[in-house]
C-alpha atoms as a PDB file:
ATOM      1  CA  MET A   1      79.090 -42.010  25.745  1.00  0.00           C
ATOM      2  CA  SER A   2      76.665 -44.954  25.556  1.00  0.00           C
ATOM      3  CA  ASN A   3      76.987 -47.779  23.053  1.00  0.00           C
ATOM      4  CA  ASN A   4      73.618 -46.770  21.583  1.00  0.00           C
ATOM      5  CA  ASN A   5      74.853 -43.248  20.944  1.00  0.00           C
ATOM      6  CA  ALA A   6      78.079 -44.541  19.387  1.00  0.00           C
ATOM      7  CA  SER A   7      76.236 -46.983  17.124  1.00  0.00           C
ATOM      8  CA  ALA A   8      73.777 -44.301  16.043  1.00  0.00           C
ATOM      9  CA  ALA A   9      76.628 -41.896  15.304  1.00  0.00           C
ATOM     10  CA  VAL A  10      78.427 -44.462  13.138  1.00  0.00           C
ATOM     11  CA  ALA A  11      75.206 -45.260  11.237  1.00  0.00           C
ATOM     12  CA  MET A  12      74.645 -41.529  10.648  1.00  0.00           C
ATOM     13  CA  ILE A  13      78.197 -41.006   9.394  1.00  0.00           C
ATOM     14  CA  VAL A  14      78.039 -43.922   6.948  1.00  0.00           C
ATOM     15  CA  ALA A  15      74.604 -42.815   5.721  1.00  0.00           C
ATOM     16  CA  SER A  16      75.896 -39.272   5.234  1.00  0.00           C
ATOM     17  CA  THR A  17      78.836 -40.513   3.119  1.00  0.00           C
ATOM     18  CA  PHE A  18      76.395 -42.381   0.863  1.00  0.00           C
ATOM     19  CA  LEU A  19      74.216 -39.276   0.504  1.00  0.00           C
ATOM     20  CA  PHE A  20      77.255 -37.086  -0.233  1.00  0.00           C
ATOM     21  CA  SER A  21      78.460 -39.500  -2.926  1.00  0.00           C
ATOM     22  CA  SER A  22      74.987 -39.558  -4.475  1.00  0.00           C
ATOM     23  CA  MET A  23      74.827 -35.757  -4.377  1.00  0.00           C
ATOM     24  CA  ASP A  24      78.266 -35.485  -5.996  1.00  0.00           C
ATOM     25  CA  ALA A  25      77.235 -37.889  -8.758  1.00  0.00           C
ATOM     26  CA  ALA A  26      74.078 -35.864  -9.504  1.00  0.00           C
ATOM     27  CA  THR A  27      76.078 -32.623  -9.406  1.00  0.00           C
ATOM     28  CA  LYS A  28      78.697 -34.030 -11.777  1.00  0.00           C
ATOM     29  CA  TYR A  29      75.952 -35.030 -14.218  1.00  0.00           C
ATOM     30  CA  LEU A  30      74.195 -31.654 -14.105  1.00  0.00           C
ATOM     31  CA  GLY A  31      77.525 -29.891 -14.567  1.00  0.00           C
ATOM     32  CA  ASN A  32      77.337 -30.902 -18.232  1.00  0.00           C
ATOM     33  CA  PHE A  33      74.144 -28.884 -18.722  1.00  0.00           C
ATOM     34  CA  LEU A  34      73.815 -26.144 -16.090  1.00  0.00           C
ATOM     35  CA  SER A  35      76.023 -23.467 -14.567  1.00  0.00           C
ATOM     36  CA  VAL A  36      77.674 -23.896 -11.193  1.00  0.00           C
ATOM     37  CA  VAL A  37      75.813 -20.878  -9.820  1.00  0.00           C
ATOM     38  CA  LEU A  38      72.355 -22.181 -10.709  1.00  0.00           C
ATOM     39  CA  VAL A  39      72.998 -25.685  -9.363  1.00  0.00           C
ATOM     40  CA  LEU A  40      74.508 -24.532  -6.075  1.00  0.00           C
ATOM     41  CA  TRP A  41      72.081 -21.655  -5.488  1.00  0.00           C
ATOM     42  CA  CYS A  42      69.148 -24.066  -5.865  1.00  0.00           C
ATOM     43  CA  ARG A  43      70.876 -26.533  -3.534  1.00  0.00           C
ATOM     44  CA  TYR A  44      71.401 -24.002  -0.727  1.00  0.00           C
ATOM     45  CA  THR A  45      68.073 -22.211  -1.171  1.00  0.00           C
ATOM     46  CA  LEU A  46      66.241 -25.507  -0.932  1.00  0.00           C
ATOM     47  CA  GLN A  47      68.240 -26.405   2.179  1.00  0.00           C
ATOM     48  CA  ALA A  48      67.389 -23.066   3.807  1.00  0.00           C
ATOM     49  CA  SER A  49      63.702 -23.512   2.946  1.00  0.00           C
ATOM     50  CA  ILE A  50      63.499 -27.067   4.272  1.00  0.00           C
ATOM     51  CA  MET A  51      65.321 -26.224   7.488  1.00  0.00           C
ATOM     52  CA  ALA A  52      63.244 -23.073   8.033  1.00  0.00           C
ATOM     53  CA  VAL A  53      60.115 -25.251   8.115  1.00  0.00           C
ATOM     54  CA  VAL A  54      61.796 -27.865  10.330  1.00  0.00           C
ATOM     55  CA  VAL A  55      63.203 -25.312  12.797  1.00  0.00           C
ATOM     56  CA  GLY A  56      59.910 -23.425  12.962  1.00  0.00           C
ATOM     57  CA  LYS A  57      57.852 -26.533  13.680  1.00  0.00           C
ATOM     58  CA  ILE A  58      60.245 -28.169  16.144  1.00  0.00           C
ATOM     59  CA  ARG A  59      61.752 -25.220  18.008  1.00  0.00           C
ATOM     60  CA  GLY A  60      59.650 -22.179  17.098  1.00  0.00           C
ATOM     61  CA  ILE A  61      61.060 -18.658  16.732  1.00  0.00           C
ATOM     62  CA  SER A  62      63.750 -19.339  19.345  1.00  0.00           C
ATOM     63  CA  GLY A  63      65.208 -22.011  17.045  1.00  0.00           C
ATOM     64  CA  PHE A  64      66.446 -19.341  14.650  1.00  0.00           C
ATOM     65  CA  ARG A  65      68.540 -17.674  17.338  1.00  0.00           C
ATOM     66  CA  THR A  66      72.239 -18.511  17.228  1.00  0.00           C
ATOM     67  CA  LEU A  67      74.716 -17.861  20.018  1.00  0.00           C
ATOM     68  CA  HIS A  68      77.689 -18.185  17.687  1.00  0.00           C
ATOM     69  CA  PRO A  69      77.004 -16.119  14.544  1.00  0.00           C
ATOM     70  CA  ARG A  70      80.685 -15.871  13.602  1.00  0.00           C
ATOM     71  CA  PHE A  71      81.121 -19.632  13.627  1.00  0.00           C
ATOM     72  CA  GLN A  72      77.901 -20.027  11.616  1.00  0.00           C
ATOM     73  CA  LEU A  73      79.074 -17.464   9.061  1.00  0.00           C
ATOM     74  CA  LEU A  74      82.508 -19.068   8.757  1.00  0.00           C
ATOM     75  CA  ARG A  75      81.026 -22.563   8.372  1.00  0.00           C
ATOM     76  CA  GLY A  76      78.600 -21.364   5.718  1.00  0.00           C
ATOM     77  CA  VAL A  77      81.314 -19.604   3.730  1.00  0.00           C
ATOM     78  CA  LEU A  78      83.634 -22.629   3.912  1.00  0.00           C
ATOM     79  CA  LEU A  79      80.876 -25.028   2.833  1.00  0.00           C
ATOM     80  CA  ALA A  80      79.863 -22.859  -0.119  1.00  0.00           C
ATOM     81  CA  SER A  81      83.535 -22.556  -1.150  1.00  0.00           C
ATOM     82  CA  ILE A  82      83.981 -26.325  -1.041  1.00  0.00           C
ATOM     83  CA  SER A  83      80.839 -26.782  -3.144  1.00  0.00           C
ATOM     84  CA  VAL A  84      82.082 -24.411  -5.855  1.00  0.00           C
ATOM     85  CA  LEU A  85      85.519 -26.032  -5.981  1.00  0.00           C
ATOM     86  CA  ALA A  86      83.983 -29.517  -5.995  1.00  0.00           C
ATOM     87  CA  PHE A  87      81.708 -28.593  -8.898  1.00  0.00           C
ATOM     88  CA  PHE A  88      84.615 -27.500 -11.095  1.00  0.00           C
ATOM     89  CA  SER A  89      86.755 -30.447  -9.989  1.00  0.00           C
ATOM     90  CA  MET A  90      84.141 -33.040 -10.897  1.00  0.00           C
ATOM     91  CA  ARG A  91      83.699 -31.531 -14.340  1.00  0.00           C
ATOM     92  CA  GLN A  92      87.354 -32.328 -15.048  1.00  0.00           C
ATOM     93  CA  MET A  93      88.134 -35.538 -13.150  1.00  0.00           C
ATOM     94  CA  PRO A  94      86.468 -38.809 -12.072  1.00  0.00           C
ATOM     95  CA  LEU A  95      84.282 -38.854  -8.960  1.00  0.00           C
ATOM     96  CA  ALA A  96      86.247 -41.518  -7.060  1.00  0.00           C
ATOM     97  CA  GLU A  97      89.632 -39.851  -7.538  1.00  0.00           C
ATOM     98  CA  PHE A  98      88.208 -36.461  -6.548  1.00  0.00           C
ATOM     99  CA  THR A  99      86.679 -37.960  -3.378  1.00  0.00           C
ATOM    100  CA  ALA A 100      89.965 -39.640  -2.432  1.00  0.00           C
ATOM    101  CA  ILE A 101      91.813 -36.306  -2.562  1.00  0.00           C
ATOM    102  CA  ILE A 102      89.137 -34.594  -0.444  1.00  0.00           C
ATOM    103  CA  MET A 103      89.343 -37.390   2.123  1.00  0.00           C
ATOM    104  CA  LEU A 104      92.977 -36.527   2.782  1.00  0.00           C
ATOM    105  CA  SER A 105      91.747 -33.684   5.031  1.00  0.00           C
ATOM    106  CA  PRO A 106      91.854 -35.662   8.346  1.00  0.00           C
ATOM    107  CA  VAL A 107      95.506 -36.474   7.653  1.00  0.00           C
ATOM    108  CA  LEU A 108      96.173 -32.789   6.964  1.00  0.00           C
ATOM    109  CA  ILE A 109      94.548 -31.872  10.279  1.00  0.00           C
ATOM    110  CA  THR A 110      96.931 -34.233  12.037  1.00  0.00           C
ATOM    111  CA  ALA A 111      99.900 -32.690  10.246  1.00  0.00           C
ATOM    112  CA  CYS A 112      98.786 -29.237  11.438  1.00  0.00           C
ATOM    113  CA  ALA A 113      97.970 -30.380  14.970  1.00  0.00           C
ATOM    114  CA  GLY A 114     101.253 -29.123  16.385  1.00  0.00           C
ATOM    115  CA  TRP A 115     100.505 -25.613  15.163  1.00  0.00           C
ATOM    116  CA  LEU A 116      96.769 -25.623  15.845  1.00  0.00           C
ATOM    117  CA  PHE A 117      96.651 -27.399  19.196  1.00  0.00           C
ATOM    118  CA  ASN A 118     100.248 -27.269  20.447  1.00  0.00           C
ATOM    119  CA  GLU A 119     100.482 -31.041  20.185  1.00  0.00           C
ATOM    120  CA  ARG A 120     103.643 -33.082  19.743  1.00  0.00           C
ATOM    121  CA  ILE A 121     103.455 -35.278  16.654  1.00  0.00           C
ATOM    122  CA  GLY A 122     105.382 -38.522  16.930  1.00  0.00           C
ATOM    123  CA  LYS A 123     107.208 -40.444  14.244  1.00  0.00           C
ATOM    124  CA  LEU A 124     104.288 -42.830  13.645  1.00  0.00           C
ATOM    125  CA  ARG A 125     101.890 -39.951  12.992  1.00  0.00           C
ATOM    126  CA  TRP A 126     104.353 -38.338  10.601  1.00  0.00           C
ATOM    127  CA  ALA A 127     104.680 -41.690   8.825  1.00  0.00           C
ATOM    128  CA  LEU A 128     100.890 -41.822   8.414  1.00  0.00           C
ATOM    129  CA  VAL A 129     100.808 -38.241   7.140  1.00  0.00           C
ATOM    130  CA  THR A 130     103.531 -39.113   4.627  1.00  0.00           C
ATOM    131  CA  SER A 131     101.664 -42.266   3.580  1.00  0.00           C
ATOM    132  CA  GLY A 132      98.467 -40.308   2.974  1.00  0.00           C
ATOM    133  CA  PHE A 133     100.355 -37.708   0.966  1.00  0.00           C
ATOM    134  CA  LEU A 134     102.046 -40.398  -1.133  1.00  0.00           C
ATOM    135  CA  GLY A 135      98.628 -41.977  -1.706  1.00  0.00           C
ATOM    136  CA  THR A 136      97.405 -38.682  -3.115  1.00  0.00           C
ATOM    137  CA  ILE A 137     100.476 -38.443  -5.363  1.00  0.00           C
ATOM    138  CA  ILE A 138      99.745 -41.947  -6.685  1.00  0.00           C
ATOM    139  CA  VAL A 139      96.111 -41.026  -7.399  1.00  0.00           C
ATOM    140  CA  ILE A 140      96.922 -37.846  -9.327  1.00  0.00           C
ATOM    141  CA  ARG A 141     100.328 -38.992 -10.713  1.00  0.00           C
ATOM    142  CA  PRO A 142     101.837 -35.607 -11.617  1.00  0.00           C
ATOM    143  CA  GLY A 143     103.337 -35.559 -15.084  1.00  0.00           C
ATOM    144  CA  SER A 144     101.286 -38.515 -16.274  1.00  0.00           C
ATOM    145  CA  GLY A 145      98.849 -36.297 -18.141  1.00  0.00           C
ATOM    146  CA  LEU A 146      95.865 -37.885 -16.379  1.00  0.00           C
ATOM    147  CA  PHE A 147      94.458 -34.707 -14.814  1.00  0.00           C
ATOM    148  CA  GLY A 148      96.925 -31.846 -15.275  1.00  0.00           C
ATOM    149  CA  TRP A 149      96.524 -28.530 -13.476  1.00  0.00           C
ATOM    150  CA  VAL A 150      92.961 -29.355 -12.412  1.00  0.00           C
ATOM    151  CA  VAL A 151      94.260 -31.297  -9.379  1.00  0.00           C
ATOM    152  CA  ILE A 152      95.007 -27.944  -7.735  1.00  0.00           C
ATOM    153  CA  ILE A 153      91.258 -27.381  -7.307  1.00  0.00           C
ATOM    154  CA  PRO A 154      90.438 -30.504  -5.231  1.00  0.00           C
ATOM    155  CA  LEU A 155      93.654 -30.021  -3.257  1.00  0.00           C
ATOM    156  CA  LEU A 156      92.471 -26.519  -2.325  1.00  0.00           C
ATOM    157  CA  ALA A 157      89.008 -27.918  -1.536  1.00  0.00           C
ATOM    158  CA  MET A 158      90.671 -30.487   0.726  1.00  0.00           C
ATOM    159  CA  VAL A 159      92.438 -27.754   2.701  1.00  0.00           C
ATOM    160  CA  ILE A 160      89.178 -25.822   3.118  1.00  0.00           C
ATOM    161  CA  SER A 161      87.376 -29.053   4.036  1.00  0.00           C
ATOM    162  CA  SER A 162      89.784 -29.502   6.949  1.00  0.00           C
ATOM    163  CA  GLY A 163      88.728 -26.158   8.393  1.00  0.00           C
ATOM    164  CA  TYR A 164      85.079 -26.957   7.730  1.00  0.00           C
ATOM    165  CA  SER A 165      85.347 -30.254   9.642  1.00  0.00           C
ATOM    166  CA  LEU A 166      86.897 -28.513  12.653  1.00  0.00           C
ATOM    167  CA  ILE A 167      84.181 -25.831  12.712  1.00  0.00           C
ATOM    168  CA  THR A 168      81.413 -28.424  12.270  1.00  0.00           C
ATOM    169  CA  SER A 169      82.649 -30.572  15.164  1.00  0.00           C
ATOM    170  CA  LYS A 170      82.820 -27.473  17.371  1.00  0.00           C
ATOM    171  CA  LEU A 171      79.347 -26.231  16.439  1.00  0.00           C
ATOM    172  CA  ALA A 172      77.899 -29.719  16.901  1.00  0.00           C
ATOM    173  CA  VAL A 173      78.207 -29.346  20.692  1.00  0.00           C
ATOM    174  CA  LEU A 174      77.431 -25.611  20.811  1.00  0.00           C
ATOM    175  CA  GLU A 175      74.347 -25.245  18.631  1.00  0.00           C
ATOM    176  CA  ASN A 176      71.230 -27.175  17.666  1.00  0.00           C
ATOM    177  CA  PRO A 177      71.947 -29.073  14.406  1.00  0.00           C
ATOM    178  CA  TYR A 178      68.737 -27.804  12.780  1.00  0.00           C
ATOM    179  CA  THR A 179      69.763 -24.203  13.465  1.00  0.00           C
ATOM    180  CA  THR A 180      73.234 -24.792  12.029  1.00  0.00           C
ATOM    181  CA  GLN A 181      71.806 -26.367   8.887  1.00  0.00           C
ATOM    182  CA  PHE A 182      69.416 -23.469   8.412  1.00  0.00           C
ATOM    183  CA  TYR A 183      72.190 -20.882   8.561  1.00  0.00           C
ATOM    184  CA  SER A 184      74.451 -22.885   6.244  1.00  0.00           C
ATOM    185  CA  GLY A 185      71.674 -22.866   3.643  1.00  0.00           C
ATOM    186  CA  VAL A 186      70.927 -19.162   4.083  1.00  0.00           C
ATOM    187  CA  ILE A 187      74.594 -18.123   3.875  1.00  0.00           C
ATOM    188  CA  GLY A 188      75.245 -20.258   0.789  1.00  0.00           C
ATOM    189  CA  SER A 189      72.132 -18.900  -0.927  1.00  0.00           C
ATOM    190  CA  LEU A 190      72.983 -15.268  -0.133  1.00  0.00           C
ATOM    191  CA  LEU A 191      76.598 -15.650  -1.272  1.00  0.00           C
ATOM    192  CA  LEU A 192      75.559 -17.094  -4.627  1.00  0.00           C
ATOM    193  CA  PHE A 193      72.553 -14.824  -5.310  1.00  0.00           C
ATOM    194  CA  PRO A 194      74.525 -11.868  -6.799  1.00  0.00           C
ATOM    195  CA  PHE A 195      76.227 -14.233  -9.241  1.00  0.00           C
ATOM    196  CA  LEU A 196      72.856 -15.775 -10.100  1.00  0.00           C
ATOM    197  CA  MET A 197      71.569 -12.326 -11.089  1.00  0.00           C
ATOM    198  CA  LEU A 198      74.396 -12.099 -13.593  1.00  0.00           C
ATOM    199  CA  GLU A 199      72.965 -15.226 -15.249  1.00  0.00           C
ATOM    200  CA  ARG A 200      69.332 -14.122 -15.377  1.00  0.00           C
ATOM    201  CA  LYS A 201      68.950 -15.220 -18.991  1.00  0.00           C
ATOM    202  CA  GLU A 202      69.990 -18.797 -18.204  1.00  0.00           C
ATOM    203  CA  LEU A 203      67.717 -18.791 -15.170  1.00  0.00           C
ATOM    204  CA  LEU A 204      64.686 -17.741 -17.245  1.00  0.00           C
ATOM    205  CA  ASN A 205      65.468 -20.305 -19.944  1.00  0.00           C
ATOM    206  CA  PHE A 206      65.705 -23.015 -17.323  1.00  0.00           C
ATOM    207  CA  PHE A 207      62.031 -22.870 -16.358  1.00  0.00           C
ATOM    208  CA  THR A 208      60.674 -24.720 -19.375  1.00  0.00           C
ATOM    209  CA  PRO A 209      58.906 -28.104 -19.667  1.00  0.00           C
ATOM    210  CA  ALA A 210      62.029 -29.569 -21.285  1.00  0.00           C
ATOM    211  CA  ASN A 211      63.944 -29.103 -18.031  1.00  0.00           C
ATOM    212  CA  VAL A 212      61.716 -31.270 -15.833  1.00  0.00           C
ATOM    213  CA  THR A 213      64.459 -33.889 -15.467  1.00  0.00           C
ATOM    214  CA  HIS A 214      67.107 -31.328 -14.562  1.00  0.00           C
ATOM    215  CA  GLY A 215      64.700 -29.625 -12.171  1.00  0.00           C
ATOM    216  CA  SER A 216      64.010 -32.941 -10.446  1.00  0.00           C
ATOM    217  CA  MET A 217      67.731 -33.554 -10.075  1.00  0.00           C
ATOM    218  CA  LEU A 218      68.230 -30.087  -8.576  1.00  0.00           C
ATOM    219  CA  LEU A 219      65.528 -30.943  -6.048  1.00  0.00           C
ATOM    220  CA  LEU A 220      67.263 -34.245  -5.327  1.00  0.00           C
ATOM    221  CA  ILE A 221      70.641 -32.527  -4.830  1.00  0.00           C
ATOM    222  CA  GLY A 222      69.099 -30.110  -2.336  1.00  0.00           C
ATOM    223  CA  ILE A 223      67.495 -32.908  -0.343  1.00  0.00           C
ATOM    224  CA  LEU A 224      70.609 -35.109  -0.363  1.00  0.00           C
ATOM    225  CA  GLY A 225      72.843 -32.233   0.764  1.00  0.00           C
ATOM    226  CA  THR A 226      70.438 -31.099   3.482  1.00  0.00           C
ATOM    227  CA  VAL A 227      69.927 -34.542   4.990  1.00  0.00           C
ATOM    228  CA  GLY A 228      73.581 -35.553   4.585  1.00  0.00           C
ATOM    229  CA  HIS A 229      74.996 -32.534   6.416  1.00  0.00           C
ATOM    230  CA  LEU A 230      72.290 -32.771   9.076  1.00  0.00           C
ATOM    231  CA  LEU A 231      73.296 -36.379   9.752  1.00  0.00           C
ATOM    232  CA  LEU A 232      76.943 -35.290   9.901  1.00  0.00           C
ATOM    233  CA  ILE A 233      76.252 -32.691  12.580  1.00  0.00           C
ATOM    234  CA  MET A 234      74.034 -35.051  14.579  1.00  0.00           C
ATOM    235  CA  ALA A 235      76.725 -37.730  14.471  1.00  0.00           C
ATOM    236  CA  PHE A 236      79.391 -35.319  15.771  1.00  0.00           C
ATOM    237  CA  SER A 237      77.072 -34.370  18.638  1.00  0.00           C
ATOM    238  CA  ARG A 238      76.865 -38.034  19.708  1.00  0.00           C
ATOM    239  CA  ALA A 239      80.491 -39.130  19.380  1.00  0.00           C
ATOM    240  CA  GLY A 240      83.970 -37.629  19.104  1.00  0.00           C
ATOM    241  CA  THR A 241      85.308 -36.548  15.741  1.00  0.00           C
ATOM    242  CA  SER A 242      88.377 -38.787  15.985  1.00  0.00           C
ATOM    243  CA  SER A 243      86.313 -41.898  16.715  1.00  0.00           C
ATOM    244  CA  LEU A 244      84.064 -41.267  13.716  1.00  0.00           C
ATOM    245  CA  MET A 245      86.719 -40.352  11.141  1.00  0.00           C
ATOM    246  CA  PRO A 246      87.540 -43.963  10.085  1.00  0.00           C
ATOM    247  CA  PHE A 247      83.952 -44.425   8.933  1.00  0.00           C
ATOM    248  CA  THR A 248      84.009 -41.335   6.707  1.00  0.00           C
ATOM    249  CA  TYR A 249      86.325 -43.212   4.352  1.00  0.00           C
ATOM    250  CA  ALA A 250      83.321 -45.251   3.237  1.00  0.00           C
ATOM    251  CA  GLN A 251      82.718 -42.274   0.943  1.00  0.00           C
ATOM    252  CA  ILE A 252      85.641 -43.343  -1.252  1.00  0.00           C
ATOM    253  CA  GLY A 253      83.988 -46.721  -1.817  1.00  0.00           C
ATOM    254  CA  PHE A 254      80.573 -45.181  -2.472  1.00  0.00           C
ATOM    255  CA  ALA A 255      82.118 -42.675  -4.886  1.00  0.00           C
ATOM    256  CA  ALA A 256      83.869 -45.466  -6.796  1.00  0.00           C
ATOM    257  CA  MET A 257      80.557 -47.330  -7.023  1.00  0.00           C
ATOM    258  CA  MET A 258      78.718 -44.223  -8.293  1.00  0.00           C
ATOM    259  CA  SER A 259      81.483 -43.533 -10.794  1.00  0.00           C
ATOM    260  CA  TRP A 260      81.190 -47.053 -12.180  1.00  0.00           C
ATOM    261  CA  LEU A 261      77.360 -47.179 -12.203  1.00  0.00           C
ATOM    262  CA  PHE A 262      76.604 -43.768 -13.677  1.00  0.00           C
ATOM    263  CA  PHE A 263      79.732 -42.689 -15.557  1.00  0.00           C
ATOM    264  CA  ASP A 264      81.161 -46.035 -16.656  1.00  0.00           C
ATOM    265  CA  HIS A 265      84.486 -45.229 -15.030  1.00  0.00           C
ATOM    266  CA  ALA A 266      86.382 -47.545 -12.720  1.00  0.00           C
ATOM    267  CA  PRO A 267      89.624 -46.399 -11.041  1.00  0.00           C
ATOM    268  CA  ASP A 268      92.704 -48.116 -12.428  1.00  0.00           C
ATOM    269  CA  PHE A 269      95.065 -50.263 -10.373  1.00  0.00           C
ATOM    270  CA  TRP A 270      97.303 -47.431  -9.192  1.00  0.00           C
ATOM    271  CA  ALA A 271      94.339 -45.216  -8.334  1.00  0.00           C
ATOM    272  CA  TRP A 272      93.001 -48.004  -6.096  1.00  0.00           C
ATOM    273  CA  ILE A 273      96.408 -48.320  -4.433  1.00  0.00           C
ATOM    274  CA  GLY A 274      96.515 -44.575  -3.769  1.00  0.00           C
ATOM    275  CA  MET A 275      92.942 -44.464  -2.433  1.00  0.00           C
ATOM    276  CA  LEU A 276      93.666 -47.425  -0.170  1.00  0.00           C
ATOM    277  CA  MET A 277      96.753 -45.677   1.218  1.00  0.00           C
ATOM    278  CA  ILE A 278      94.715 -42.531   1.957  1.00  0.00           C
ATOM    279  CA  ALA A 279      91.941 -44.508   3.667  1.00  0.00           C
ATOM    280  CA  MET A 280      94.355 -46.606   5.748  1.00  0.00           C
ATOM    281  CA  SER A 281      96.379 -43.550   6.772  1.00  0.00           C
ATOM    282  CA  GLY A 282      93.271 -41.680   7.853  1.00  0.00           C
ATOM    283  CA  GLY A 283      91.810 -44.673   9.658  1.00  0.00           C
ATOM    284  CA  ALA A 284      95.061 -45.363  11.512  1.00  0.00           C
ATOM    285  CA  THR A 285      95.344 -41.692  12.458  1.00  0.00           C
ATOM    286  CA  ALA A 286      91.851 -41.769  13.940  1.00  0.00           C
ATOM    287  CA  TRP A 287      92.691 -44.973  15.836  1.00  0.00           C
ATOM    288  CA  LEU A 288      95.739 -43.271  17.368  1.00  0.00           C
ATOM    289  CA  ASN A 289      93.535 -40.369  18.450  1.00  0.00           C
ATOM    290  CA  ILE A 290      91.100 -42.750  20.153  1.00  0.00           C
ATOM    291  CA  ARG A 291      93.910 -44.696  21.878  1.00  0.00           C
ATOM    292  CA  LYS A 292      95.415 -41.464  23.168  1.00  0.00           C
ATOM    293  CA  LYS A 293      92.232 -40.511  25.022  1.00  0.00           C
ATOM    294  CA  PRO A 294      92.064 -41.429  28.740  1.00  0.00           C
END
């Protein structure tokens, strides 16, 4: 792997974390006014539409052909599931704390490595897994009354996100990133469409002049999600997942910034300690993965 490819991959990963944080902030805001189905259906339908044009112009009809339909279907279902869980999570808890819990997924992957990949996990790796878990406990502080039962939702999203990351890194070297993005949009849109039909009244009421601002934000969410996930796939195709994982923790910082700028919420001292423990555990885990490679 050339230095140019590595540098480009890092830049793409950091840019994608900024776009994801911006998308989450816009989604959290719209969650006060619109239903989860409408927001997410618009997001995935717009992604499918944008990528259909891109694939058609760049690769032609052959660009819509996938050699791994099962992987594409699984990735699309996982991504849509994460989006739904994230939507409900962010309606109940601050953006930065939610992001920190989601970012525990690389540590979870390491903890499951022995079962998934038949790897031996040493004491240092288990210490990092434990540190990341303790960081999450500090963020959510069970029994403190800060978040209550709602923390189950981002924890479930984190588990699903781990599977999504593994599938994405695999597809990044098997399929064209434009094709993968197209199918993710189509699958998400199709999954949500039946539920959208159950909310036809809200959908019809939405298309009024008074909803220009909300409509613009829906458009923004679709663009941010499309470009962000495209950058993620392109980054994984240029560099190894383990070498890029430390840079994904920039999303915690971006999320904290968005939370402060748009929602007037800054994490408290203990939340910062917990988020720092999660980021350091994940970064150190990725460094061990890089060092292990020949």
